[in-house]
């Protein structure tokens, strides 16, 4: 997904839920389906099962996620966060 799409998806599907999920991780797919959890690996595991690889973006609620997937196991994730 292009980075500009990340912002659109966040604004449309996550921002309205920020107060309930502040600080949690969220996976969002192009259809607007979301998975929230406090544990990033839990979100990734569930998103891979539910959405499939390469079909979602992982962000931290209330932060702007900037990072890239590393490795083939789907568990090596590097994310740097900036406050929105």
C-alpha atoms as a PDB file:
ATOM      1  CA  UNK A   1       0.000   0.000   0.000  1.00  0.00           C
ATOM      2  CA  UNK A   2       1.217   3.462  -0.785  1.00  0.00           C
ATOM      3  CA  UNK A   3       2.060   5.682   2.182  1.00  0.00           C
ATOM      4  CA  UNK A   4      -0.629   8.213   1.239  1.00  0.00           C
ATOM      5  CA  UNK A   5      -3.195   5.419   1.506  1.00  0.00           C
ATOM      6  CA  UNK A   6      -2.023   4.770   5.073  1.00  0.00           C
ATOM      7  CA  UNK A   7      -3.068   8.261   6.104  1.00  0.00           C
ATOM      8  CA  UNK A   8      -6.434   7.968   4.384  1.00  0.00           C
ATOM      9  CA  UNK A   9      -7.138   4.593   6.013  1.00  0.00           C
ATOM     10  CA  UNK A  10      -6.073   5.884   9.422  1.00  0.00           C
ATOM     11  CA  UNK A  11      -8.164   9.036   9.207  1.00  0.00           C
ATOM     12  CA  UNK A  12     -11.237   7.181   8.017  1.00  0.00           C
ATOM     13  CA  UNK A  13     -11.215   3.991  10.092  1.00  0.00           C
ATOM     14  CA  UNK A  14      -8.944   4.470  13.118  1.00  0.00           C
ATOM     15  CA  UNK A  15      -9.084   8.139  14.096  1.00  0.00           C
ATOM     16  CA  UNK A  16     -12.733   7.871  15.251  1.00  0.00           C
ATOM     17  CA  UNK A  17     -11.624   5.063  17.601  1.00  0.00           C
ATOM     18  CA  UNK A  18      -8.474   6.740  18.980  1.00  0.00           C
ATOM     19  CA  UNK A  19      -9.865   7.410  22.449  1.00  0.00           C
ATOM     20  CA  UNK A  20     -10.795   3.746  22.980  1.00  0.00           C
ATOM     21  CA  UNK A  21      -7.524   2.351  21.558  1.00  0.00           C
ATOM     22  CA  UNK A  22      -4.882   5.012  22.322  1.00  0.00           C
ATOM     23  CA  UNK A  23      -1.382   3.496  22.311  1.00  0.00           C
ATOM     24  CA  UNK A  24      -2.513   0.159  20.868  1.00  0.00           C
ATOM     25  CA  UNK A  25      -1.358  -1.287  17.573  1.00  0.00           C
ATOM     26  CA  UNK A  26      -3.750  -1.566  14.652  1.00  0.00           C
ATOM     27  CA  UNK A  27      -3.687  -3.436  11.368  1.00  0.00           C
ATOM     28  CA  UNK A  28      -5.855  -1.894   8.652  1.00  0.00           C
ATOM     29  CA  UNK A  29      -6.621  -3.440   5.282  1.00  0.00           C
ATOM     30  CA  UNK A  30      -7.809  -1.638   2.148  1.00  0.00           C
ATOM     31  CA  UNK A  31     -11.447  -2.518   2.957  1.00  0.00           C
ATOM     32  CA  UNK A  32     -11.220  -0.689   6.289  1.00  0.00           C
ATOM     33  CA  UNK A  33     -11.211  -3.797   8.439  1.00  0.00           C
ATOM     34  CA  UNK A  34      -9.178  -3.273  11.610  1.00  0.00           C
ATOM     35  CA  UNK A  35      -7.537  -5.415  14.276  1.00  0.00           C
ATOM     36  CA  UNK A  36      -6.482  -3.760  17.567  1.00  0.00           C
ATOM     37  CA  UNK A  37      -4.259  -5.090  20.339  1.00  0.00           C
ATOM     38  CA  UNK A  38      -1.660  -3.803  22.789  1.00  0.00           C
ATOM     39  CA  UNK A  39       0.829  -6.370  21.449  1.00  0.00           C
ATOM     40  CA  UNK A  40       2.199  -5.673  17.968  1.00  0.00           C
ATOM     41  CA  UNK A  41       3.020  -9.323  17.254  1.00  0.00           C
ATOM     42  CA  UNK A  42      -0.506 -10.389  18.172  1.00  0.00           C
ATOM     43  CA  UNK A  43      -1.883  -7.855  15.685  1.00  0.00           C
ATOM     44  CA  UNK A  44       0.528  -9.007  12.982  1.00  0.00           C
ATOM     45  CA  UNK A  45      -0.282 -12.695  13.541  1.00  0.00           C
ATOM     46  CA  UNK A  46      -4.030 -12.057  13.427  1.00  0.00           C
ATOM     47  CA  UNK A  47      -3.750  -9.777  10.379  1.00  0.00           C
ATOM     48  CA  UNK A  48      -1.680 -12.330   8.469  1.00  0.00           C
ATOM     49  CA  UNK A  49      -4.318 -14.985   9.172  1.00  0.00           C
ATOM     50  CA  UNK A  50      -7.321 -12.759   8.510  1.00  0.00           C
ATOM     51  CA  UNK A  51      -6.063 -10.459   5.730  1.00  0.00           C
ATOM     52  CA  UNK A  52      -3.068 -12.276   4.241  1.00  0.00           C
ATOM     53  CA  UNK A  53       0.518 -11.080   3.788  1.00  0.00           C
ATOM     54  CA  UNK A  54       1.106  -7.737   2.109  1.00  0.00           C
ATOM     55  CA  UNK A  55      -2.516  -6.639   2.383  1.00  0.00           C
ATOM     56  CA  UNK A  56      -2.467  -4.441   5.491  1.00  0.00           C
ATOM     57  CA  UNK A  57      -0.601  -1.652   7.211  1.00  0.00           C
ATOM     58  CA  UNK A  58       0.457  -1.775  10.858  1.00  0.00           C
ATOM     59  CA  UNK A  59       0.355   1.458  12.848  1.00  0.00           C
ATOM     60  CA  UNK A  60       0.292   2.545  16.468  1.00  0.00           C
ATOM     61  CA  UNK A  61      -2.867   4.426  17.411  1.00  0.00           C
ATOM     62  CA  UNK A  62      -2.084   8.075  18.057  1.00  0.00           C
ATOM     63  CA  UNK A  63       1.311   7.848  16.335  1.00  0.00           C
ATOM     64  CA  UNK A  64       2.497   8.028  12.775  1.00  0.00           C
ATOM     65  CA  UNK A  65       4.203   4.728  11.967  1.00  0.00           C
ATOM     66  CA  UNK A  66       7.233   4.818   9.750  1.00  0.00           C
ATOM     67  CA  UNK A  67       8.974   1.542   9.055  1.00  0.00           C
ATOM     68  CA  UNK A  68       9.450  -1.514   6.903  1.00  0.00           C
ATOM     69  CA  UNK A  69       8.971  -5.221   7.277  1.00  0.00           C
ATOM     70  CA  UNK A  70      12.192  -7.180   7.570  1.00  0.00           C
ATOM     71  CA  UNK A  71      12.633 -10.917   7.168  1.00  0.00           C
ATOM     72  CA  UNK A  72      10.371 -13.632   5.869  1.00  0.00           C
ATOM     73  CA  UNK A  73       8.945 -14.779   9.197  1.00  0.00           C
ATOM     74  CA  UNK A  74       6.652 -11.734   9.488  1.00  0.00           C
ATOM     75  CA  UNK A  75       7.793 -11.152  13.065  1.00  0.00           C
ATOM     76  CA  UNK A  76      10.740  -8.897  12.495  1.00  0.00           C
ATOM     77  CA  UNK A  77       9.145  -5.491  12.331  1.00  0.00           C
ATOM     78  CA  UNK A  78      10.916  -2.192  12.628  1.00  0.00           C
ATOM     79  CA  UNK A  79       8.674   0.744  13.388  1.00  0.00           C
ATOM     80  CA  UNK A  80       9.644   4.242  14.410  1.00  0.00           C
ATOM     81  CA  UNK A  81       6.832   6.404  15.689  1.00  0.00           C
ATOM     82  CA  UNK A  82       6.205  10.123  15.544  1.00  0.00           C
ATOM     83  CA  UNK A  83       3.387  11.782  17.441  1.00  0.00           C
ATOM     84  CA  UNK A  84       0.537  12.802  15.119  1.00  0.00           C
END
